[in-house]
N, C-alpha and C. Protein backbone atom coordinates (compact mmCIF):
# COMPACT_ATOMS: atom_id res chain seq x y z
N MET A 1 -19.28 -13.69 25.94
CA MET A 1 -18.73 -12.74 25.00
C MET A 1 -17.20 -12.90 25.03
N ARG A 2 -16.62 -12.74 23.87
CA ARG A 2 -15.17 -12.89 23.74
C ARG A 2 -14.62 -11.70 22.97
N ILE A 3 -13.59 -11.08 23.51
CA ILE A 3 -12.91 -9.97 22.84
C ILE A 3 -11.49 -10.44 22.53
N PHE A 4 -11.03 -10.14 21.32
CA PHE A 4 -9.68 -10.58 20.98
C PHE A 4 -8.97 -9.55 20.12
N ALA A 5 -7.65 -9.66 20.12
CA ALA A 5 -6.79 -8.82 19.28
C ALA A 5 -5.69 -9.69 18.72
N GLN A 6 -5.41 -9.51 17.46
CA GLN A 6 -4.29 -10.21 16.82
C GLN A 6 -3.42 -9.14 16.17
N ILE A 7 -2.17 -9.08 16.60
CA ILE A 7 -1.25 -8.06 16.09
C ILE A 7 -0.07 -8.75 15.43
N MET A 8 0.17 -8.40 14.18
CA MET A 8 1.31 -8.95 13.45
C MET A 8 2.28 -7.81 13.14
N ASN A 9 3.56 -8.06 13.33
CA ASN A 9 4.61 -7.06 13.14
C ASN A 9 4.36 -5.86 14.06
N LEU A 10 4.30 -6.14 15.33
CA LEU A 10 3.97 -5.15 16.35
C LEU A 10 4.84 -3.90 16.27
N THR A 11 6.14 -4.05 16.05
CA THR A 11 7.04 -2.90 16.02
C THR A 11 7.09 -2.21 14.66
N ASP A 12 6.35 -2.72 13.69
CA ASP A 12 6.30 -2.16 12.34
C ASP A 12 7.69 -2.08 11.70
N HIS A 13 8.50 -3.09 11.96
CA HIS A 13 9.86 -3.17 11.41
C HIS A 13 9.79 -3.57 9.94
N ARG A 14 10.66 -3.01 9.12
CA ARG A 14 10.71 -3.38 7.69
C ARG A 14 11.49 -4.68 7.55
N ASN A 15 10.79 -5.79 7.52
CA ASN A 15 11.41 -7.11 7.43
C ASN A 15 11.75 -7.43 5.98
N VAL A 16 13.02 -7.59 5.71
CA VAL A 16 13.49 -7.88 4.35
C VAL A 16 13.20 -9.34 4.02
N VAL A 17 12.58 -9.57 2.86
CA VAL A 17 12.29 -10.94 2.43
C VAL A 17 13.04 -11.30 1.14
N TRP A 18 13.65 -10.30 0.47
CA TRP A 18 14.39 -10.58 -0.76
C TRP A 18 15.47 -9.51 -0.93
N VAL A 19 16.66 -9.93 -1.36
CA VAL A 19 17.76 -8.98 -1.60
C VAL A 19 18.37 -9.24 -2.98
N TRP A 20 19.04 -8.22 -3.50
CA TRP A 20 19.78 -8.38 -4.74
C TRP A 20 21.01 -9.23 -4.45
N ARG A 21 21.30 -10.17 -5.32
CA ARG A 21 22.38 -11.13 -5.11
C ARG A 21 23.76 -10.45 -5.04
N ASP A 22 23.98 -9.42 -5.84
CA ASP A 22 25.32 -8.82 -5.89
C ASP A 22 25.62 -7.90 -4.71
N THR A 23 24.61 -7.29 -4.12
CA THR A 23 24.85 -6.34 -3.02
C THR A 23 24.34 -6.83 -1.67
N GLY A 24 23.40 -7.75 -1.66
CA GLY A 24 22.79 -8.17 -0.41
C GLY A 24 21.86 -7.11 0.16
N ASP A 25 21.47 -6.17 -0.66
CA ASP A 25 20.62 -5.05 -0.26
C ASP A 25 19.27 -5.19 -0.97
N PRO A 26 18.17 -4.90 -0.29
CA PRO A 26 16.87 -5.02 -0.95
C PRO A 26 16.54 -3.86 -1.89
N ASP A 27 17.29 -2.76 -1.82
CA ASP A 27 16.95 -1.57 -2.60
C ASP A 27 18.00 -1.13 -3.61
N TYR A 28 19.08 -1.90 -3.78
CA TYR A 28 20.15 -1.42 -4.66
C TYR A 28 20.91 -2.58 -5.28
N THR A 29 21.24 -2.44 -6.56
CA THR A 29 22.08 -3.41 -7.24
C THR A 29 23.12 -2.67 -8.07
N THR A 30 24.27 -3.30 -8.26
CA THR A 30 25.32 -2.70 -9.09
C THR A 30 25.18 -3.11 -10.54
N VAL A 31 24.29 -4.03 -10.83
CA VAL A 31 24.03 -4.45 -12.20
C VAL A 31 23.28 -3.32 -12.90
N GLY A 32 23.76 -2.91 -14.05
CA GLY A 32 23.16 -1.78 -14.76
C GLY A 32 21.86 -2.12 -15.46
N GLY A 33 21.18 -1.09 -15.89
CA GLY A 33 19.97 -1.26 -16.68
C GLY A 33 18.67 -1.26 -15.90
N TYR A 34 18.73 -1.10 -14.60
CA TYR A 34 17.50 -1.07 -13.79
C TYR A 34 17.22 0.35 -13.33
N SER A 35 15.97 0.75 -13.38
CA SER A 35 15.58 2.07 -12.88
C SER A 35 15.50 2.03 -11.35
N ASN A 36 15.54 3.20 -10.74
CA ASN A 36 15.41 3.27 -9.27
C ASN A 36 14.07 2.71 -8.81
N GLU A 37 13.02 2.97 -9.58
CA GLU A 37 11.70 2.47 -9.21
C GLU A 37 11.67 0.94 -9.22
N TYR A 38 12.37 0.34 -10.18
CA TYR A 38 12.41 -1.12 -10.27
C TYR A 38 13.22 -1.71 -9.11
N MET A 39 14.35 -1.08 -8.80
CA MET A 39 15.21 -1.60 -7.74
C MET A 39 14.56 -1.48 -6.37
N GLN A 40 13.81 -0.43 -6.14
CA GLN A 40 13.21 -0.20 -4.82
C GLN A 40 11.79 -0.76 -4.79
N ASP A 41 11.68 -2.03 -5.05
CA ASP A 41 10.41 -2.73 -5.11
C ASP A 41 9.87 -2.97 -3.69
N PRO A 42 8.69 -2.49 -3.37
CA PRO A 42 8.16 -2.68 -2.02
C PRO A 42 7.88 -4.15 -1.67
N SER A 43 7.78 -5.01 -2.67
CA SER A 43 7.55 -6.43 -2.36
C SER A 43 8.81 -7.12 -1.84
N ASN A 44 9.94 -6.40 -1.79
CA ASN A 44 11.15 -6.94 -1.19
C ASN A 44 11.06 -6.97 0.33
N TYR A 45 10.01 -6.39 0.87
CA TYR A 45 9.81 -6.32 2.31
C TYR A 45 8.53 -7.05 2.70
N GLY A 46 8.50 -7.53 3.93
CA GLY A 46 7.31 -8.18 4.45
C GLY A 46 6.21 -7.17 4.74
N PRO A 47 5.06 -7.66 5.17
CA PRO A 47 3.92 -6.77 5.42
C PRO A 47 4.16 -5.83 6.60
N PRO A 48 3.51 -4.67 6.57
CA PRO A 48 3.61 -3.74 7.69
C PRO A 48 2.77 -4.22 8.87
N ARG A 49 2.68 -3.40 9.89
CA ARG A 49 1.89 -3.74 11.07
C ARG A 49 0.43 -3.96 10.67
N VAL A 50 -0.14 -5.02 11.22
CA VAL A 50 -1.55 -5.34 11.00
C VAL A 50 -2.17 -5.60 12.37
N ILE A 51 -3.26 -4.92 12.67
CA ILE A 51 -3.95 -5.10 13.94
C ILE A 51 -5.39 -5.50 13.65
N LEU A 52 -5.77 -6.66 14.15
CA LEU A 52 -7.14 -7.14 13.99
C LEU A 52 -7.79 -7.18 15.37
N LEU A 53 -8.92 -6.54 15.50
CA LEU A 53 -9.68 -6.54 16.74
C LEU A 53 -11.01 -7.21 16.48
N GLY A 54 -11.50 -7.93 17.46
CA GLY A 54 -12.76 -8.62 17.24
C GLY A 54 -13.56 -8.82 18.50
N LEU A 55 -14.79 -9.09 18.29
CA LEU A 55 -15.73 -9.35 19.37
C LEU A 55 -16.57 -10.55 18.97
N GLY A 56 -16.58 -11.55 19.81
CA GLY A 56 -17.38 -12.74 19.52
C GLY A 56 -18.50 -12.88 20.53
N VAL A 57 -19.66 -13.21 20.03
CA VAL A 57 -20.83 -13.38 20.90
C VAL A 57 -21.38 -14.78 20.66
N ARG A 58 -21.53 -15.53 21.72
CA ARG A 58 -22.09 -16.87 21.61
C ARG A 58 -23.58 -16.80 21.93
N LEU A 59 -24.38 -17.30 21.01
CA LEU A 59 -25.84 -17.27 21.21
C LEU A 59 -26.34 -18.60 21.72
């Protein structure tokens, strides 16, 4: 029997993967015409904490 755990982003840190070119910030730009909802796009950040637990049985 095998028990395993795979944990990604253990500390649940908000890892930035994309920023606005003018500010270097993932949630704000000085360029006009964008709504707050558009600027604060959750896809600008990496995935949150993911914990996978498993049990393997060899027959």
